[in-house]
PDBML (XML) file of the C-alpha atoms, coordinates in Angstrom:
<?xml version="1.0" encoding="UTF-8" ?>
<PDBx:datablock datablockName="MODEL"
   xmlns:PDBx="http://pdbml.pdb.org/schema/pdbx-v50.xsd"
   xmlns:xsi="http://www.w3.org/2001/XMLSchema-instance"
   xsi:schemaLocation="http://pdbml.pdb.org/schema/pdbx-v50.xsd pdbx-v50.xsd">
   <PDBx:atom_siteCategory>
      <PDBx:atom_site id="1">
         <PDBx:B_iso_or_equiv>0.00</PDBx:B_iso_or_equiv>
         <PDBx:Cartn_x>17.886</PDBx:Cartn_x>
         <PDBx:Cartn_y>12.076</PDBx:Cartn_y>
         <PDBx:Cartn_z>-4.938</PDBx:Cartn_z>
         <PDBx:auth_asym_id>A</PDBx:auth_asym_id>
         <PDBx:auth_atom_id>CA</PDBx:auth_atom_id>
         <PDBx:auth_comp_id>LYS</PDBx:auth_comp_id>
         <PDBx:auth_seq_id>1</PDBx:auth_seq_id>
         <PDBx:group_PDB>ATOM</PDBx:group_PDB>
         <PDBx:label_alt_id xsi:nil="true" />
         <PDBx:label_asym_id>A</PDBx:label_asym_id>
         <PDBx:label_atom_id>CA</PDBx:label_atom_id>
         <PDBx:label_comp_id>LYS</PDBx:label_comp_id>
         <PDBx:label_entity_id>1</PDBx:label_entity_id>
         <PDBx:label_seq_id>1</PDBx:label_seq_id>
         <PDBx:occupancy>1.00</PDBx:occupancy>
         <PDBx:pdbx_PDB_model_num>1</PDBx:pdbx_PDB_model_num>
         <PDBx:type_symbol>C</PDBx:type_symbol>
      </PDBx:atom_site>
      <PDBx:atom_site id="2">
         <PDBx:B_iso_or_equiv>0.00</PDBx:B_iso_or_equiv>
         <PDBx:Cartn_x>15.205</PDBx:Cartn_x>
         <PDBx:Cartn_y>11.255</PDBx:Cartn_y>
         <PDBx:Cartn_z>-7.493</PDBx:Cartn_z>
         <PDBx:auth_asym_id>A</PDBx:auth_asym_id>
         <PDBx:auth_atom_id>CA</PDBx:auth_atom_id>
         <PDBx:auth_comp_id>THR</PDBx:auth_comp_id>
         <PDBx:auth_seq_id>2</PDBx:auth_seq_id>
         <PDBx:group_PDB>ATOM</PDBx:group_PDB>
         <PDBx:label_alt_id xsi:nil="true" />
         <PDBx:label_asym_id>A</PDBx:label_asym_id>
         <PDBx:label_atom_id>CA</PDBx:label_atom_id>
         <PDBx:label_comp_id>THR</PDBx:label_comp_id>
         <PDBx:label_entity_id>1</PDBx:label_entity_id>
         <PDBx:label_seq_id>2</PDBx:label_seq_id>
         <PDBx:occupancy>1.00</PDBx:occupancy>
         <PDBx:pdbx_PDB_model_num>1</PDBx:pdbx_PDB_model_num>
         <PDBx:type_symbol>C</PDBx:type_symbol>
      </PDBx:atom_site>
      <PDBx:atom_site id="3">
         <PDBx:B_iso_or_equiv>0.00</PDBx:B_iso_or_equiv>
         <PDBx:Cartn_x>17.553</PDBx:Cartn_x>
         <PDBx:Cartn_y>8.875</PDBx:Cartn_y>
         <PDBx:Cartn_z>-9.325</PDBx:Cartn_z>
         <PDBx:auth_asym_id>A</PDBx:auth_asym_id>
         <PDBx:auth_atom_id>CA</PDBx:auth_atom_id>
         <PDBx:auth_comp_id>LEU</PDBx:auth_comp_id>
         <PDBx:auth_seq_id>3</PDBx:auth_seq_id>
         <PDBx:group_PDB>ATOM</PDBx:group_PDB>
         <PDBx:label_alt_id xsi:nil="true" />
         <PDBx:label_asym_id>A</PDBx:label_asym_id>
         <PDBx:label_atom_id>CA</PDBx:label_atom_id>
         <PDBx:label_comp_id>LEU</PDBx:label_comp_id>
         <PDBx:label_entity_id>1</PDBx:label_entity_id>
         <PDBx:label_seq_id>3</PDBx:label_seq_id>
         <PDBx:occupancy>1.00</PDBx:occupancy>
         <PDBx:pdbx_PDB_model_num>1</PDBx:pdbx_PDB_model_num>
         <PDBx:type_symbol>C</PDBx:type_symbol>
      </PDBx:atom_site>
      <PDBx:atom_site id="4">
         <PDBx:B_iso_or_equiv>0.00</PDBx:B_iso_or_equiv>
         <PDBx:Cartn_x>18.489</PDBx:Cartn_x>
         <PDBx:Cartn_y>7.224</PDBx:Cartn_y>
         <PDBx:Cartn_z>-6.029</PDBx:Cartn_z>
         <PDBx:auth_asym_id>A</PDBx:auth_asym_id>
         <PDBx:auth_atom_id>CA</PDBx:auth_atom_id>
         <PDBx:auth_comp_id>GLU</PDBx:auth_comp_id>
         <PDBx:auth_seq_id>4</PDBx:auth_seq_id>
         <PDBx:group_PDB>ATOM</PDBx:group_PDB>
         <PDBx:label_alt_id xsi:nil="true" />
         <PDBx:label_asym_id>A</PDBx:label_asym_id>
         <PDBx:label_atom_id>CA</PDBx:label_atom_id>
         <PDBx:label_comp_id>GLU</PDBx:label_comp_id>
         <PDBx:label_entity_id>1</PDBx:label_entity_id>
         <PDBx:label_seq_id>4</PDBx:label_seq_id>
         <PDBx:occupancy>1.00</PDBx:occupancy>
         <PDBx:pdbx_PDB_model_num>1</PDBx:pdbx_PDB_model_num>
         <PDBx:type_symbol>C</PDBx:type_symbol>
      </PDBx:atom_site>
      <PDBx:atom_site id="5">
         <PDBx:B_iso_or_equiv>0.00</PDBx:B_iso_or_equiv>
         <PDBx:Cartn_x>14.857</PDBx:Cartn_x>
         <PDBx:Cartn_y>6.715</PDBx:Cartn_y>
         <PDBx:Cartn_z>-5.029</PDBx:Cartn_z>
         <PDBx:auth_asym_id>A</PDBx:auth_asym_id>
         <PDBx:auth_atom_id>CA</PDBx:auth_atom_id>
         <PDBx:auth_comp_id>GLN</PDBx:auth_comp_id>
         <PDBx:auth_seq_id>5</PDBx:auth_seq_id>
         <PDBx:group_PDB>ATOM</PDBx:group_PDB>
         <PDBx:label_alt_id xsi:nil="true" />
         <PDBx:label_asym_id>A</PDBx:label_asym_id>
         <PDBx:label_atom_id>CA</PDBx:label_atom_id>
         <PDBx:label_comp_id>GLN</PDBx:label_comp_id>
         <PDBx:label_entity_id>1</PDBx:label_entity_id>
         <PDBx:label_seq_id>5</PDBx:label_seq_id>
         <PDBx:occupancy>1.00</PDBx:occupancy>
         <PDBx:pdbx_PDB_model_num>1</PDBx:pdbx_PDB_model_num>
         <PDBx:type_symbol>C</PDBx:type_symbol>
      </PDBx:atom_site>
      <PDBx:atom_site id="6">
         <PDBx:B_iso_or_equiv>0.00</PDBx:B_iso_or_equiv>
         <PDBx:Cartn_x>13.782</PDBx:Cartn_x>
         <PDBx:Cartn_y>5.486</PDBx:Cartn_y>
         <PDBx:Cartn_z>-8.466</PDBx:Cartn_z>
         <PDBx:auth_asym_id>A</PDBx:auth_asym_id>
         <PDBx:auth_atom_id>CA</PDBx:auth_atom_id>
         <PDBx:auth_comp_id>GLU</PDBx:auth_comp_id>
         <PDBx:auth_seq_id>6</PDBx:auth_seq_id>
         <PDBx:group_PDB>ATOM</PDBx:group_PDB>
         <PDBx:label_alt_id xsi:nil="true" />
         <PDBx:label_asym_id>A</PDBx:label_asym_id>
         <PDBx:label_atom_id>CA</PDBx:label_atom_id>
         <PDBx:label_comp_id>GLU</PDBx:label_comp_id>
         <PDBx:label_entity_id>1</PDBx:label_entity_id>
         <PDBx:label_seq_id>6</PDBx:label_seq_id>
         <PDBx:occupancy>1.00</PDBx:occupancy>
         <PDBx:pdbx_PDB_model_num>1</PDBx:pdbx_PDB_model_num>
         <PDBx:type_symbol>C</PDBx:type_symbol>
      </PDBx:atom_site>
      <PDBx:atom_site id="7">
         <PDBx:B_iso_or_equiv>0.00</PDBx:B_iso_or_equiv>
         <PDBx:Cartn_x>16.070</PDBx:Cartn_x>
         <PDBx:Cartn_y>2.471</PDBx:Cartn_y>
         <PDBx:Cartn_z>-8.195</PDBx:Cartn_z>
         <PDBx:auth_asym_id>A</PDBx:auth_asym_id>
         <PDBx:auth_atom_id>CA</PDBx:auth_atom_id>
         <PDBx:auth_comp_id>ARG</PDBx:auth_comp_id>
         <PDBx:auth_seq_id>7</PDBx:auth_seq_id>
         <PDBx:group_PDB>ATOM</PDBx:group_PDB>
         <PDBx:label_alt_id xsi:nil="true" />
         <PDBx:label_asym_id>A</PDBx:label_asym_id>
         <PDBx:label_atom_id>CA</PDBx:label_atom_id>
         <PDBx:label_comp_id>ARG</PDBx:label_comp_id>
         <PDBx:label_entity_id>1</PDBx:label_entity_id>
         <PDBx:label_seq_id>7</PDBx:label_seq_id>
         <PDBx:occupancy>1.00</PDBx:occupancy>
         <PDBx:pdbx_PDB_model_num>1</PDBx:pdbx_PDB_model_num>
         <PDBx:type_symbol>C</PDBx:type_symbol>
      </PDBx:atom_site>
      <PDBx:atom_site id="8">
         <PDBx:B_iso_or_equiv>0.00</PDBx:B_iso_or_equiv>
         <PDBx:Cartn_x>14.389</PDBx:Cartn_x>
         <PDBx:Cartn_y>1.316</PDBx:Cartn_y>
         <PDBx:Cartn_z>-4.982</PDBx:Cartn_z>
         <PDBx:auth_asym_id>A</PDBx:auth_asym_id>
         <PDBx:auth_atom_id>CA</PDBx:auth_atom_id>
         <PDBx:auth_comp_id>LEU</PDBx:auth_comp_id>
         <PDBx:auth_seq_id>8</PDBx:auth_seq_id>
         <PDBx:group_PDB>ATOM</PDBx:group_PDB>
         <PDBx:label_alt_id xsi:nil="true" />
         <PDBx:label_asym_id>A</PDBx:label_asym_id>
         <PDBx:label_atom_id>CA</PDBx:label_atom_id>
         <PDBx:label_comp_id>LEU</PDBx:label_comp_id>
         <PDBx:label_entity_id>1</PDBx:label_entity_id>
         <PDBx:label_seq_id>8</PDBx:label_seq_id>
         <PDBx:occupancy>1.00</PDBx:occupancy>
         <PDBx:pdbx_PDB_model_num>1</PDBx:pdbx_PDB_model_num>
         <PDBx:type_symbol>C</PDBx:type_symbol>
      </PDBx:atom_site>
      <PDBx:atom_site id="9">
         <PDBx:B_iso_or_equiv>0.00</PDBx:B_iso_or_equiv>
         <PDBx:Cartn_x>10.737</PDBx:Cartn_x>
         <PDBx:Cartn_y>1.118</PDBx:Cartn_y>
         <PDBx:Cartn_z>-6.066</PDBx:Cartn_z>
         <PDBx:auth_asym_id>A</PDBx:auth_asym_id>
         <PDBx:auth_atom_id>CA</PDBx:auth_atom_id>
         <PDBx:auth_comp_id>VAL</PDBx:auth_comp_id>
         <PDBx:auth_seq_id>9</PDBx:auth_seq_id>
         <PDBx:group_PDB>ATOM</PDBx:group_PDB>
         <PDBx:label_alt_id xsi:nil="true" />
         <PDBx:label_asym_id>A</PDBx:label_asym_id>
         <PDBx:label_atom_id>CA</PDBx:label_atom_id>
         <PDBx:label_comp_id>VAL</PDBx:label_comp_id>
         <PDBx:label_entity_id>1</PDBx:label_entity_id>
         <PDBx:label_seq_id>9</PDBx:label_seq_id>
         <PDBx:occupancy>1.00</PDBx:occupancy>
         <PDBx:pdbx_PDB_model_num>1</PDBx:pdbx_PDB_model_num>
         <PDBx:type_symbol>C</PDBx:type_symbol>
      </PDBx:atom_site>
      <PDBx:atom_site id="10">
         <PDBx:B_iso_or_equiv>0.00</PDBx:B_iso_or_equiv>
         <PDBx:Cartn_x>8.749</PDBx:Cartn_x>
         <PDBx:Cartn_y>-0.631</PDBx:Cartn_y>
         <PDBx:Cartn_z>-8.762</PDBx:Cartn_z>
         <PDBx:auth_asym_id>A</PDBx:auth_asym_id>
         <PDBx:auth_atom_id>CA</PDBx:auth_atom_id>
         <PDBx:auth_comp_id>SER</PDBx:auth_comp_id>
         <PDBx:auth_seq_id>10</PDBx:auth_seq_id>
         <PDBx:group_PDB>ATOM</PDBx:group_PDB>
         <PDBx:label_alt_id xsi:nil="true" />
         <PDBx:label_asym_id>A</PDBx:label_asym_id>
         <PDBx:label_atom_id>CA</PDBx:label_atom_id>
         <PDBx:label_comp_id>SER</PDBx:label_comp_id>
         <PDBx:label_entity_id>1</PDBx:label_entity_id>
         <PDBx:label_seq_id>10</PDBx:label_seq_id>
         <PDBx:occupancy>1.00</PDBx:occupancy>
         <PDBx:pdbx_PDB_model_num>1</PDBx:pdbx_PDB_model_num>
         <PDBx:type_symbol>C</PDBx:type_symbol>
      </PDBx:atom_site>
      <PDBx:atom_site id="11">
         <PDBx:B_iso_or_equiv>0.00</PDBx:B_iso_or_equiv>
         <PDBx:Cartn_x>6.113</PDBx:Cartn_x>
         <PDBx:Cartn_y>0.776</PDBx:Cartn_y>
         <PDBx:Cartn_z>-11.113</PDBx:Cartn_z>
         <PDBx:auth_asym_id>A</PDBx:auth_asym_id>
         <PDBx:auth_atom_id>CA</PDBx:auth_atom_id>
         <PDBx:auth_comp_id>PHE</PDBx:auth_comp_id>
         <PDBx:auth_seq_id>11</PDBx:auth_seq_id>
         <PDBx:group_PDB>ATOM</PDBx:group_PDB>
         <PDBx:label_alt_id xsi:nil="true" />
         <PDBx:label_asym_id>A</PDBx:label_asym_id>
         <PDBx:label_atom_id>CA</PDBx:label_atom_id>
         <PDBx:label_comp_id>PHE</PDBx:label_comp_id>
         <PDBx:label_entity_id>1</PDBx:label_entity_id>
         <PDBx:label_seq_id>11</PDBx:label_seq_id>
         <PDBx:occupancy>1.00</PDBx:occupancy>
         <PDBx:pdbx_PDB_model_num>1</PDBx:pdbx_PDB_model_num>
         <PDBx:type_symbol>C</PDBx:type_symbol>
      </PDBx:atom_site>
      <PDBx:atom_site id="12">
         <PDBx:B_iso_or_equiv>0.00</PDBx:B_iso_or_equiv>
         <PDBx:Cartn_x>3.471</PDBx:Cartn_x>
         <PDBx:Cartn_y>-1.164</PDBx:Cartn_y>
         <PDBx:Cartn_z>-9.206</PDBx:Cartn_z>
         <PDBx:auth_asym_id>A</PDBx:auth_asym_id>
         <PDBx:auth_atom_id>CA</PDBx:auth_atom_id>
         <PDBx:auth_comp_id>GLY</PDBx:auth_comp_id>
         <PDBx:auth_seq_id>12</PDBx:auth_seq_id>
         <PDBx:group_PDB>ATOM</PDBx:group_PDB>
         <PDBx:label_alt_id xsi:nil="true" />
         <PDBx:label_asym_id>A</PDBx:label_asym_id>
         <PDBx:label_atom_id>CA</PDBx:label_atom_id>
         <PDBx:label_comp_id>GLY</PDBx:label_comp_id>
         <PDBx:label_entity_id>1</PDBx:label_entity_id>
         <PDBx:label_seq_id>12</PDBx:label_seq_id>
         <PDBx:occupancy>1.00</PDBx:occupancy>
         <PDBx:pdbx_PDB_model_num>1</PDBx:pdbx_PDB_model_num>
         <PDBx:type_symbol>C</PDBx:type_symbol>
      </PDBx:atom_site>
      <PDBx:atom_site id="13">
         <PDBx:B_iso_or_equiv>0.00</PDBx:B_iso_or_equiv>
         <PDBx:Cartn_x>4.520</PDBx:Cartn_x>
         <PDBx:Cartn_y>0.314</PDBx:Cartn_y>
         <PDBx:Cartn_z>-5.880</PDBx:Cartn_z>
         <PDBx:auth_asym_id>A</PDBx:auth_asym_id>
         <PDBx:auth_atom_id>CA</PDBx:auth_atom_id>
         <PDBx:auth_comp_id>GLU</PDBx:auth_comp_id>
         <PDBx:auth_seq_id>13</PDBx:auth_seq_id>
         <PDBx:group_PDB>ATOM</PDBx:group_PDB>
         <PDBx:label_alt_id xsi:nil="true" />
         <PDBx:label_asym_id>A</PDBx:label_asym_id>
         <PDBx:label_atom_id>CA</PDBx:label_atom_id>
         <PDBx:label_comp_id>GLU</PDBx:label_comp_id>
         <PDBx:label_entity_id>1</PDBx:label_entity_id>
         <PDBx:label_seq_id>13</PDBx:label_seq_id>
         <PDBx:occupancy>1.00</PDBx:occupancy>
         <PDBx:pdbx_PDB_model_num>1</PDBx:pdbx_PDB_model_num>
         <PDBx:type_symbol>C</PDBx:type_symbol>
      </PDBx:atom_site>
      <PDBx:atom_site id="14">
         <PDBx:B_iso_or_equiv>0.00</PDBx:B_iso_or_equiv>
         <PDBx:Cartn_x>4.602</PDBx:Cartn_x>
         <PDBx:Cartn_y>3.851</PDBx:Cartn_y>
         <PDBx:Cartn_z>-7.303</PDBx:Cartn_z>
         <PDBx:auth_asym_id>A</PDBx:auth_asym_id>
         <PDBx:auth_atom_id>CA</PDBx:auth_atom_id>
         <PDBx:auth_comp_id>LEU</PDBx:auth_comp_id>
         <PDBx:auth_seq_id>14</PDBx:auth_seq_id>
         <PDBx:group_PDB>ATOM</PDBx:group_PDB>
         <PDBx:label_alt_id xsi:nil="true" />
         <PDBx:label_asym_id>A</PDBx:label_asym_id>
         <PDBx:label_atom_id>CA</PDBx:label_atom_id>
         <PDBx:label_comp_id>LEU</PDBx:label_comp_id>
         <PDBx:label_entity_id>1</PDBx:label_entity_id>
         <PDBx:label_seq_id>14</PDBx:label_seq_id>
         <PDBx:occupancy>1.00</PDBx:occupancy>
         <PDBx:pdbx_PDB_model_num>1</PDBx:pdbx_PDB_model_num>
         <PDBx:type_symbol>C</PDBx:type_symbol>
      </PDBx:atom_site>
      <PDBx:atom_site id="15">
         <PDBx:B_iso_or_equiv>0.00</PDBx:B_iso_or_equiv>
         <PDBx:Cartn_x>1.148</PDBx:Cartn_x>
         <PDBx:Cartn_y>3.394</PDBx:Cartn_y>
         <PDBx:Cartn_z>-8.836</PDBx:Cartn_z>
         <PDBx:auth_asym_id>A</PDBx:auth_asym_id>
         <PDBx:auth_atom_id>CA</PDBx:auth_atom_id>
         <PDBx:auth_comp_id>SER</PDBx:auth_comp_id>
         <PDBx:auth_seq_id>15</PDBx:auth_seq_id>
         <PDBx:group_PDB>ATOM</PDBx:group_PDB>
         <PDBx:label_alt_id xsi:nil="true" />
         <PDBx:label_asym_id>A</PDBx:label_asym_id>
         <PDBx:label_atom_id>CA</PDBx:label_atom_id>
         <PDBx:label_comp_id>SER</PDBx:label_comp_id>
         <PDBx:label_entity_id>1</PDBx:label_entity_id>
         <PDBx:label_seq_id>15</PDBx:label_seq_id>
         <PDBx:occupancy>1.00</PDBx:occupancy>
         <PDBx:pdbx_PDB_model_num>1</PDBx:pdbx_PDB_model_num>
         <PDBx:type_symbol>C</PDBx:type_symbol>
      </PDBx:atom_site>
      <PDBx:atom_site id="16">
         <PDBx:B_iso_or_equiv>0.00</PDBx:B_iso_or_equiv>
         <PDBx:Cartn_x>-0.245</PDBx:Cartn_x>
         <PDBx:Cartn_y>2.206</PDBx:Cartn_y>
         <PDBx:Cartn_z>-5.497</PDBx:Cartn_z>
         <PDBx:auth_asym_id>A</PDBx:auth_asym_id>
         <PDBx:auth_atom_id>CA</PDBx:auth_atom_id>
         <PDBx:auth_comp_id>ALA</PDBx:auth_comp_id>
         <PDBx:auth_seq_id>16</PDBx:auth_seq_id>
         <PDBx:group_PDB>ATOM</PDBx:group_PDB>
         <PDBx:label_alt_id xsi:nil="true" />
         <PDBx:label_asym_id>A</PDBx:label_asym_id>
         <PDBx:label_atom_id>CA</PDBx:label_atom_id>
         <PDBx:label_comp_id>ALA</PDBx:label_comp_id>
         <PDBx:label_entity_id>1</PDBx:label_entity_id>
         <PDBx:label_seq_id>16</PDBx:label_seq_id>
         <PDBx:occupancy>1.00</PDBx:occupancy>
         <PDBx:pdbx_PDB_model_num>1</PDBx:pdbx_PDB_model_num>
         <PDBx:type_symbol>C</PDBx:type_symbol>
      </PDBx:atom_site>
      <PDBx:atom_site id="17">
         <PDBx:B_iso_or_equiv>0.00</PDBx:B_iso_or_equiv>
         <PDBx:Cartn_x>1.391</PDBx:Cartn_x>
         <PDBx:Cartn_y>5.179</PDBx:Cartn_y>
         <PDBx:Cartn_z>-3.742</PDBx:Cartn_z>
         <PDBx:auth_asym_id>A</PDBx:auth_asym_id>
         <PDBx:auth_atom_id>CA</PDBx:auth_atom_id>
         <PDBx:auth_comp_id>MET</PDBx:auth_comp_id>
         <PDBx:auth_seq_id>17</PDBx:auth_seq_id>
         <PDBx:group_PDB>ATOM</PDBx:group_PDB>
         <PDBx:label_alt_id xsi:nil="true" />
         <PDBx:label_asym_id>A</PDBx:label_asym_id>
         <PDBx:label_atom_id>CA</PDBx:label_atom_id>
         <PDBx:label_comp_id>MET</PDBx:label_comp_id>
         <PDBx:label_entity_id>1</PDBx:label_entity_id>
         <PDBx:label_seq_id>17</PDBx:label_seq_id>
         <PDBx:occupancy>1.00</PDBx:occupancy>
         <PDBx:pdbx_PDB_model_num>1</PDBx:pdbx_PDB_model_num>
         <PDBx:type_symbol>C</PDBx:type_symbol>
      </PDBx:atom_site>
      <PDBx:atom_site id="18">
         <PDBx:B_iso_or_equiv>0.00</PDBx:B_iso_or_equiv>
         <PDBx:Cartn_x>-0.245</PDBx:Cartn_x>
         <PDBx:Cartn_y>7.567</PDBx:Cartn_y>
         <PDBx:Cartn_z>-6.200</PDBx:Cartn_z>
         <PDBx:auth_asym_id>A</PDBx:auth_asym_id>
         <PDBx:auth_atom_id>CA</PDBx:auth_atom_id>
         <PDBx:auth_comp_id>HIS</PDBx:auth_comp_id>
         <PDBx:auth_seq_id>18</PDBx:auth_seq_id>
         <PDBx:group_PDB>ATOM</PDBx:group_PDB>
         <PDBx:label_alt_id xsi:nil="true" />
         <PDBx:label_asym_id>A</PDBx:label_asym_id>
         <PDBx:label_atom_id>CA</PDBx:label_atom_id>
         <PDBx:label_comp_id>HIS</PDBx:label_comp_id>
         <PDBx:label_entity_id>1</PDBx:label_entity_id>
         <PDBx:label_seq_id>18</PDBx:label_seq_id>
         <PDBx:occupancy>1.00</PDBx:occupancy>
         <PDBx:pdbx_PDB_model_num>1</PDBx:pdbx_PDB_model_num>
         <PDBx:type_symbol>C</PDBx:type_symbol>
      </PDBx:atom_site>
      <PDBx:atom_site id="19">
         <PDBx:B_iso_or_equiv>0.00</PDBx:B_iso_or_equiv>
         <PDBx:Cartn_x>-3.641</PDBx:Cartn_x>
         <PDBx:Cartn_y>5.940</PDBx:Cartn_y>
         <PDBx:Cartn_z>-5.661</PDBx:Cartn_z>
         <PDBx:auth_asym_id>A</PDBx:auth_asym_id>
         <PDBx:auth_atom_id>CA</PDBx:auth_atom_id>
         <PDBx:auth_comp_id>ASP</PDBx:auth_comp_id>
         <PDBx:auth_seq_id>19</PDBx:auth_seq_id>
         <PDBx:group_PDB>ATOM</PDBx:group_PDB>
         <PDBx:label_alt_id xsi:nil="true" />
         <PDBx:label_asym_id>A</PDBx:label_asym_id>
         <PDBx:label_atom_id>CA</PDBx:label_atom_id>
         <PDBx:label_comp_id>ASP</PDBx:label_comp_id>
         <PDBx:label_entity_id>1</PDBx:label_entity_id>
         <PDBx:label_seq_id>19</PDBx:label_seq_id>
         <PDBx:occupancy>1.00</PDBx:occupancy>
         <PDBx:pdbx_PDB_model_num>1</PDBx:pdbx_PDB_model_num>
         <PDBx:type_symbol>C</PDBx:type_symbol>
      </PDBx:atom_site>
      <PDBx:atom_site id="20">
         <PDBx:B_iso_or_equiv>0.00</PDBx:B_iso_or_equiv>
         <PDBx:Cartn_x>-3.334</PDBx:Cartn_x>
         <PDBx:Cartn_y>6.472</PDBx:Cartn_y>
         <PDBx:Cartn_z>-1.913</PDBx:Cartn_z>
         <PDBx:auth_asym_id>A</PDBx:auth_asym_id>
         <PDBx:auth_atom_id>CA</PDBx:auth_atom_id>
         <PDBx:auth_comp_id>HIS</PDBx:auth_comp_id>
         <PDBx:auth_seq_id>20</PDBx:auth_seq_id>
         <PDBx:group_PDB>ATOM</PDBx:group_PDB>
         <PDBx:label_alt_id xsi:nil="true" />
         <PDBx:label_asym_id>A</PDBx:label_asym_id>
         <PDBx:label_atom_id>CA</PDBx:label_atom_id>
         <PDBx:label_comp_id>HIS</PDBx:label_comp_id>
         <PDBx:label_entity_id>1</PDBx:label_entity_id>
         <PDBx:label_seq_id>20</PDBx:label_seq_id>
         <PDBx:occupancy>1.00</PDBx:occupancy>
         <PDBx:pdbx_PDB_model_num>1</PDBx:pdbx_PDB_model_num>
         <PDBx:type_symbol>C</PDBx:type_symbol>
      </PDBx:atom_site>
      <PDBx:atom_site id="21">
         <PDBx:B_iso_or_equiv>0.00</PDBx:B_iso_or_equiv>
         <PDBx:Cartn_x>-2.391</PDBx:Cartn_x>
         <PDBx:Cartn_y>10.125</PDBx:Cartn_y>
         <PDBx:Cartn_z>-2.469</PDBx:Cartn_z>
         <PDBx:auth_asym_id>A</PDBx:auth_asym_id>
         <PDBx:auth_atom_id>CA</PDBx:auth_atom_id>
         <PDBx:auth_comp_id>ILE</PDBx:auth_comp_id>
         <PDBx:auth_seq_id>21</PDBx:auth_seq_id>
         <PDBx:group_PDB>ATOM</PDBx:group_PDB>
         <PDBx:label_alt_id xsi:nil="true" />
         <PDBx:label_asym_id>A</PDBx:label_asym_id>
         <PDBx:label_atom_id>CA</PDBx:label_atom_id>
         <PDBx:label_comp_id>ILE</PDBx:label_comp_id>
         <PDBx:label_entity_id>1</PDBx:label_entity_id>
         <PDBx:label_seq_id>21</PDBx:label_seq_id>
         <PDBx:occupancy>1.00</PDBx:occupancy>
         <PDBx:pdbx_PDB_model_num>1</PDBx:pdbx_PDB_model_num>
         <PDBx:type_symbol>C</PDBx:type_symbol>
      </PDBx:atom_site>
      <PDBx:atom_site id="22">
         <PDBx:B_iso_or_equiv>0.00</PDBx:B_iso_or_equiv>
         <PDBx:Cartn_x>-5.631</PDBx:Cartn_x>
         <PDBx:Cartn_y>10.644</PDBx:Cartn_y>
         <PDBx:Cartn_z>-4.422</PDBx:Cartn_z>
         <PDBx:auth_asym_id>A</PDBx:auth_asym_id>
         <PDBx:auth_atom_id>CA</PDBx:auth_atom_id>
         <PDBx:auth_comp_id>LEU</PDBx:auth_comp_id>
         <PDBx:auth_seq_id>22</PDBx:auth_seq_id>
         <PDBx:group_PDB>ATOM</PDBx:group_PDB>
         <PDBx:label_alt_id xsi:nil="true" />
         <PDBx:label_asym_id>A</PDBx:label_asym_id>
         <PDBx:label_atom_id>CA</PDBx:label_atom_id>
         <PDBx:label_comp_id>LEU</PDBx:label_comp_id>
         <PDBx:label_entity_id>1</PDBx:label_entity_id>
         <PDBx:label_seq_id>22</PDBx:label_seq_id>
         <PDBx:occupancy>1.00</PDBx:occupancy>
         <PDBx:pdbx_PDB_model_num>1</PDBx:pdbx_PDB_model_num>
         <PDBx:type_symbol>C</PDBx:type_symbol>
      </PDBx:atom_site>
      <PDBx:atom_site id="23">
         <PDBx:B_iso_or_equiv>0.00</PDBx:B_iso_or_equiv>
         <PDBx:Cartn_x>-7.613</PDBx:Cartn_x>
         <PDBx:Cartn_y>8.856</PDBx:Cartn_y>
         <PDBx:Cartn_z>-1.704</PDBx:Cartn_z>
         <PDBx:auth_asym_id>A</PDBx:auth_asym_id>
         <PDBx:auth_atom_id>CA</PDBx:auth_atom_id>
         <PDBx:auth_comp_id>GLU</PDBx:auth_comp_id>
         <PDBx:auth_seq_id>23</PDBx:auth_seq_id>
         <PDBx:group_PDB>ATOM</PDBx:group_PDB>
         <PDBx:label_alt_id xsi:nil="true" />
         <PDBx:label_asym_id>A</PDBx:label_asym_id>
         <PDBx:label_atom_id>CA</PDBx:label_atom_id>
         <PDBx:label_comp_id>GLU</PDBx:label_comp_id>
         <PDBx:label_entity_id>1</PDBx:label_entity_id>
         <PDBx:label_seq_id>23</PDBx:label_seq_id>
         <PDBx:occupancy>1.00</PDBx:occupancy>
         <PDBx:pdbx_PDB_model_num>1</PDBx:pdbx_PDB_model_num>
         <PDBx:type_symbol>C</PDBx:type_symbol>
      </PDBx:atom_site>
      <PDBx:atom_site id="24">
         <PDBx:B_iso_or_equiv>0.00</PDBx:B_iso_or_equiv>
         <PDBx:Cartn_x>-6.046</PDBx:Cartn_x>
         <PDBx:Cartn_y>11.136</PDBx:Cartn_y>
         <PDBx:Cartn_z>0.902</PDBx:Cartn_z>
         <PDBx:auth_asym_id>A</PDBx:auth_asym_id>
         <PDBx:auth_atom_id>CA</PDBx:auth_atom_id>
         <PDBx:auth_comp_id>SER</PDBx:auth_comp_id>
         <PDBx:auth_seq_id>24</PDBx:auth_seq_id>
         <PDBx:group_PDB>ATOM</PDBx:group_PDB>
         <PDBx:label_alt_id xsi:nil="true" />
         <PDBx:label_asym_id>A</PDBx:label_asym_id>
         <PDBx:label_atom_id>CA</PDBx:label_atom_id>
         <PDBx:label_comp_id>SER</PDBx:label_comp_id>
         <PDBx:label_entity_id>1</PDBx:label_entity_id>
         <PDBx:label_seq_id>24</PDBx:label_seq_id>
         <PDBx:occupancy>1.00</PDBx:occupancy>
         <PDBx:pdbx_PDB_model_num>1</PDBx:pdbx_PDB_model_num>
         <PDBx:type_symbol>C</PDBx:type_symbol>
      </PDBx:atom_site>
      <PDBx:atom_site id="25">
         <PDBx:B_iso_or_equiv>0.00</PDBx:B_iso_or_equiv>
         <PDBx:Cartn_x>-7.161</PDBx:Cartn_x>
         <PDBx:Cartn_y>14.196</PDBx:Cartn_y>
         <PDBx:Cartn_z>-1.066</PDBx:Cartn_z>
         <PDBx:auth_asym_id>A</PDBx:auth_asym_id>
         <PDBx:auth_atom_id>CA</PDBx:auth_atom_id>
         <PDBx:auth_comp_id>GLU</PDBx:auth_comp_id>
         <PDBx:auth_seq_id>25</PDBx:auth_seq_id>
         <PDBx:group_PDB>ATOM</PDBx:group_PDB>
         <PDBx:label_alt_id xsi:nil="true" />
         <PDBx:label_asym_id>A</PDBx:label_asym_id>
         <PDBx:label_atom_id>CA</PDBx:label_atom_id>
         <PDBx:label_comp_id>GLU</PDBx:label_comp_id>
         <PDBx:label_entity_id>1</PDBx:label_entity_id>
         <PDBx:label_seq_id>25</PDBx:label_seq_id>
         <PDBx:occupancy>1.00</PDBx:occupancy>
         <PDBx:pdbx_PDB_model_num>1</PDBx:pdbx_PDB_model_num>
         <PDBx:type_symbol>C</PDBx:type_symbol>
      </PDBx:atom_site>
   </PDBx:atom_siteCategory>
</PDBx:datablock>
């Protein structure tokens, strides 16, 4: 599943997702 998901997102999108996770915390 991780390999499948990795192909669908960019580094930029993942970085933005991680930023929002920190903001949520």
